[in-house]
């Protein structure tokens, strides 16, 4: 699904650097018998489905980036997933939300409260990522923008501080960069799926349709991605 042949050498090397950062985060965590999921749950007592971890989410106010981890779909080996967002500071002022039915009971965040879901990263219980997916608007209460608008903002996602865990923040930032081509594909597939549902349900507020939750999803593998990138790099040279 990933068009590595369309990437420039600089883009490939940038993604390889992100992959090396991911592996570095794994290395330092393994030295203390820790992992990504354990780090984000650490110190918060009993793990409850649906609760956000850490409580109150993680924000980088300088970059306008945000994330939280939670669990509510234990099937298929999933332990939980990270939801990643870009807030007002990371979004251009002239961005217009996708066309939608205005519902006073389902207000879309606007102005300084704007928040747009970027991608979700699924992890298994050992803390390794297995899938990426996108969601319908109602899932996260976001301000939904068109795929191409969000693709242009992907590189703005960065958690550049140490709370609650420096390795987790560095890892998640690197994951967004490392799997950027897949994220682009998923955002476009999300819009295609939304359009298909809208055509099949005329007059309905498709963005609030509880029957449509996951709008696109693909498996990922860090090792395989690195091999493909290394192969693409060799081909460029």
Protein backbone atom coordinates (compact mmCIF):
# COMPACT_ATOMS: atom_id res chain seq x y z
CA UNK A 1 0.00 0.00 0.00
CA UNK A 2 2.97 2.31 0.50
CA UNK A 3 4.46 4.08 -2.51
CA UNK A 4 8.10 4.17 -1.43
CA UNK A 5 9.10 4.76 -5.02
CA UNK A 6 7.48 8.20 -4.78
CA UNK A 7 9.64 9.27 -1.82
CA UNK A 8 12.72 11.43 -2.28
CA UNK A 9 16.06 10.30 -0.86
CA UNK A 10 15.80 13.02 1.80
CA UNK A 11 12.36 11.78 2.82
CA UNK A 12 13.59 8.19 3.00
CA UNK A 13 16.56 9.14 5.16
CA UNK A 14 14.30 11.23 7.41
CA UNK A 15 12.01 8.23 7.91
CA UNK A 16 14.98 5.93 8.57
CA UNK A 17 16.17 8.35 11.25
CA UNK A 18 12.70 8.12 12.82
CA UNK A 19 12.91 4.32 12.71
CA UNK A 20 16.27 4.44 14.47
CA UNK A 21 14.69 6.68 17.12
CA UNK A 22 11.95 4.08 17.65
CA UNK A 23 14.53 1.35 18.14
CA UNK A 24 16.49 3.57 20.53
CA UNK A 25 13.38 4.04 22.66
CA UNK A 26 12.91 0.27 22.77
CA UNK A 27 16.55 -0.20 23.73
CA UNK A 28 16.52 2.12 26.74
CA UNK A 29 13.20 0.71 27.95
CA UNK A 30 14.39 -2.91 27.68
CA UNK A 31 17.39 -2.07 29.89
CA UNK A 32 14.97 -1.52 32.80
CA UNK A 33 12.51 -4.26 31.77
CA UNK A 34 9.93 -1.67 30.64
CA UNK A 35 7.89 -1.08 27.50
CA UNK A 36 5.86 1.66 25.81
CA UNK A 37 2.47 0.63 27.20
CA UNK A 38 3.80 0.03 30.71
CA UNK A 39 5.39 3.48 30.72
CA UNK A 40 2.20 5.32 29.84
CA UNK A 41 0.20 3.35 32.45
CA UNK A 42 2.84 3.55 35.19
CA UNK A 43 1.77 5.06 38.49
CA UNK A 44 -1.96 5.21 37.74
CA UNK A 45 -3.20 2.19 39.69
CA UNK A 46 -5.78 -0.22 38.28
CA UNK A 47 -6.12 -0.09 34.50
CA UNK A 48 -9.72 0.60 33.47
CA UNK A 49 -11.13 0.35 29.97
CA UNK A 50 -12.11 3.69 28.41
CA UNK A 51 -10.11 5.77 30.91
CA UNK A 52 -7.49 8.07 29.40
CA UNK A 53 -3.84 7.43 30.28
CA UNK A 54 -2.24 9.44 31.58
CA UNK A 55 -5.24 11.16 33.20
CA UNK A 56 -5.79 14.53 31.53
CA UNK A 57 -3.93 13.48 28.34
CA UNK A 58 -0.49 14.65 27.19
CA UNK A 59 -0.13 18.11 25.61
CA UNK A 60 2.75 19.95 24.05
CA UNK A 61 1.55 23.54 24.13
CA UNK A 62 4.45 24.73 21.97
CA UNK A 63 3.61 22.42 19.06
CA UNK A 64 -0.14 22.03 19.51
CA UNK A 65 0.17 18.24 19.77
CA UNK A 66 -1.80 15.94 22.07
CA UNK A 67 -2.27 12.23 22.76
CA UNK A 68 -3.76 9.73 25.17
CA UNK A 69 -3.83 5.96 25.51
CA UNK A 70 -6.87 3.86 26.30
CA UNK A 71 -8.43 0.46 25.71
CA UNK A 72 -11.87 -0.77 24.75
CA UNK A 73 -11.29 -3.36 22.03
CA UNK A 74 -9.41 -6.38 23.42
CA UNK A 75 -10.01 -8.53 20.34
CA UNK A 76 -7.25 -9.57 17.97
CA UNK A 77 -4.46 -9.24 20.53
CA UNK A 78 -4.97 -5.49 20.97
CA UNK A 79 -4.17 -4.15 24.42
CA UNK A 80 -5.11 -0.56 23.63
CA UNK A 81 -4.28 2.35 21.36
CA UNK A 82 -2.89 5.86 21.30
CA UNK A 83 -5.09 8.61 19.86
CA UNK A 84 -3.03 11.47 18.45
CA UNK A 85 -4.30 14.99 17.77
CA UNK A 86 -3.31 18.38 16.43
CA UNK A 87 -4.80 21.39 18.20
CA UNK A 88 -5.38 24.99 17.14
CA UNK A 89 -1.72 26.06 17.29
CA UNK A 90 -0.74 23.38 14.76
CA UNK A 91 -3.57 24.17 12.32
CA UNK A 92 -3.62 27.06 9.82
CA UNK A 93 -6.21 29.76 10.52
CA UNK A 94 -7.78 29.40 7.08
CA UNK A 95 -8.61 25.69 7.34
CA UNK A 96 -12.30 24.96 6.80
CA UNK A 97 -13.88 21.86 8.37
CA UNK A 98 -15.37 19.27 6.04
CA UNK A 99 -18.99 20.02 5.03
CA UNK A 100 -21.34 18.76 7.72
CA UNK A 101 -24.77 19.10 9.23
CA UNK A 102 -24.74 21.76 11.94
CA UNK A 103 -26.20 20.30 15.12
CA UNK A 104 -26.31 22.40 18.29
CA UNK A 105 -26.14 19.21 20.37
CA UNK A 106 -23.00 18.08 18.56
CA UNK A 107 -20.96 21.29 18.34
CA UNK A 108 -17.66 20.95 16.53
CA UNK A 109 -14.76 22.57 18.42
CA UNK A 110 -13.78 25.89 16.87
CA UNK A 111 -11.41 28.81 17.40
CA UNK A 112 -8.78 28.13 20.06
CA UNK A 113 -10.63 24.90 20.96
CA UNK A 114 -10.05 23.32 17.54
CA UNK A 115 -8.75 19.78 17.77
CA UNK A 116 -8.33 17.32 14.92
CA UNK A 117 -7.63 13.61 15.22
CA UNK A 118 -4.57 12.55 13.25
CA UNK A 119 -4.18 8.78 13.67
CA UNK A 120 -4.58 6.01 16.23
CA UNK A 121 -1.72 3.60 16.98
CA UNK A 122 -2.68 0.13 18.22
CA UNK A 123 -0.36 -1.72 20.62
CA UNK A 124 -0.29 -5.27 21.90
CA UNK A 125 0.35 -6.04 25.57
CA UNK A 126 4.16 -6.04 25.21
CA UNK A 127 4.00 -2.45 23.96
CA UNK A 128 4.74 -3.01 20.28
CA UNK A 129 2.59 -1.37 17.56
CA UNK A 130 0.46 -3.58 15.32
CA UNK A 131 -1.97 -1.32 13.43
CA UNK A 132 -2.89 2.23 12.52
CA UNK A 133 -6.47 3.41 12.10
CA UNK A 134 -8.66 6.48 11.61
CA UNK A 135 -12.06 7.20 13.11
CA UNK A 136 -15.34 8.95 12.47
CA UNK A 137 -15.78 12.41 14.01
CA UNK A 138 -18.04 11.37 16.90
CA UNK A 139 -15.41 8.98 18.29
CA UNK A 140 -13.10 11.74 19.49
CA UNK A 141 -15.33 14.83 19.25
CA UNK A 142 -12.90 16.44 16.84
CA UNK A 143 -13.09 19.18 14.27
CA UNK A 144 -12.78 17.09 11.10
CA UNK A 145 -10.75 18.47 8.20
CA UNK A 146 -10.24 17.01 4.75
CA UNK A 147 -7.50 14.42 4.33
CA UNK A 148 -5.29 16.65 2.20
CA UNK A 149 -5.51 19.45 4.79
CA UNK A 150 -4.44 17.08 7.57
CA UNK A 151 -1.71 15.48 5.47
CA UNK A 152 -0.15 18.92 5.10
CA UNK A 153 0.00 19.20 8.91
CA UNK A 154 1.35 15.73 9.80
CA UNK A 155 4.90 16.93 10.39
CA UNK A 156 3.66 19.37 13.05
CA UNK A 157 2.99 16.51 15.46
CA UNK A 158 5.70 16.47 18.11
CA UNK A 159 5.71 15.87 21.86
CA UNK A 160 8.90 17.61 22.88
CA UNK A 161 9.00 17.19 26.66
CA UNK A 162 9.51 14.44 29.22
CA UNK A 163 6.05 14.12 30.83
CA UNK A 164 4.85 11.45 31.51
CA UNK A 165 7.68 9.52 29.84
CA UNK A 166 10.41 10.83 27.59
CA UNK A 167 10.82 7.49 25.73
CA UNK A 168 7.05 7.28 25.07
CA UNK A 169 6.90 10.86 23.80
CA UNK A 170 9.92 10.38 21.56
CA UNK A 171 8.59 7.02 20.34
CA UNK A 172 5.15 8.33 19.41
CA UNK A 173 6.62 11.38 17.65
CA UNK A 174 8.93 9.10 15.67
CA UNK A 175 6.08 6.69 14.85
CA UNK A 176 4.13 9.46 13.12
CA UNK A 177 7.19 10.31 11.02
CA UNK A 178 8.20 6.72 10.34
CA UNK A 179 4.77 5.67 9.08
CA UNK A 180 3.92 8.93 7.36
CA UNK A 181 3.11 7.32 3.97
CA UNK A 182 0.65 4.92 5.61
CA UNK A 183 -0.98 7.77 7.54
CA UNK A 184 -1.50 9.65 4.28
CA UNK A 185 -3.16 6.60 2.74
CA UNK A 186 -5.39 6.06 5.77
CA UNK A 187 -6.57 9.67 5.87
CA UNK A 188 -7.52 9.50 2.18
CA UNK A 189 -9.27 6.17 2.72
CA UNK A 190 -11.15 7.73 5.64
CA UNK A 191 -12.55 10.44 3.39
CA UNK A 192 -13.49 7.88 0.73
CA UNK A 193 -15.30 5.75 3.33
CA UNK A 194 -17.14 8.78 4.71
CA UNK A 195 -18.24 9.78 1.20
CA UNK A 196 -19.50 6.25 0.50
CA UNK A 197 -21.53 6.21 3.70
CA UNK A 198 -22.93 9.68 3.04
CA UNK A 199 -24.09 8.57 -0.42
CA UNK A 200 -25.72 5.48 1.07
CA UNK A 201 -27.44 7.43 3.88
CA UNK A 202 -28.76 10.65 2.27
CA UNK A 203 -29.95 13.30 4.72
CA UNK A 204 -28.27 11.65 7.72
CA UNK A 205 -25.54 13.24 9.82
CA UNK A 206 -22.92 10.70 8.84
CA UNK A 207 -20.33 12.20 11.19
CA UNK A 208 -22.49 11.19 14.17
CA UNK A 209 -23.51 7.75 12.85
CA UNK A 210 -22.58 5.28 15.61
CA UNK A 211 -22.57 2.44 13.09
CA UNK A 212 -19.50 3.98 11.46
CA UNK A 213 -16.60 4.07 13.91
CA UNK A 214 -13.38 2.87 12.26
CA UNK A 215 -13.00 4.51 8.85
CA UNK A 216 -9.68 2.94 7.74
CA UNK A 217 -7.16 0.53 9.25
CA UNK A 218 -3.94 -1.25 8.25
CA UNK A 219 -1.36 -3.49 9.96
CA UNK A 220 2.14 -2.13 10.53
CA UNK A 221 5.51 -3.62 11.40
CA UNK A 222 8.53 -1.51 12.36
CA UNK A 223 11.10 -4.05 11.19
CA UNK A 224 9.43 -4.58 7.83
CA UNK A 225 9.07 -0.84 7.29
CA UNK A 226 12.77 -0.34 7.96
CA UNK A 227 13.72 -3.05 5.47
CA UNK A 228 11.55 -1.46 2.79
CA UNK A 229 13.06 1.95 3.46
CA UNK A 230 16.62 0.60 3.33
CA UNK A 231 15.80 -1.10 0.04
CA UNK A 232 14.34 2.13 -1.35
CA UNK A 233 17.43 4.04 -0.21
CA UNK A 234 19.74 1.61 -2.01
CA UNK A 235 17.64 1.95 -5.15
CA UNK A 236 18.05 5.75 -5.08
CA UNK A 237 21.81 5.43 -4.92
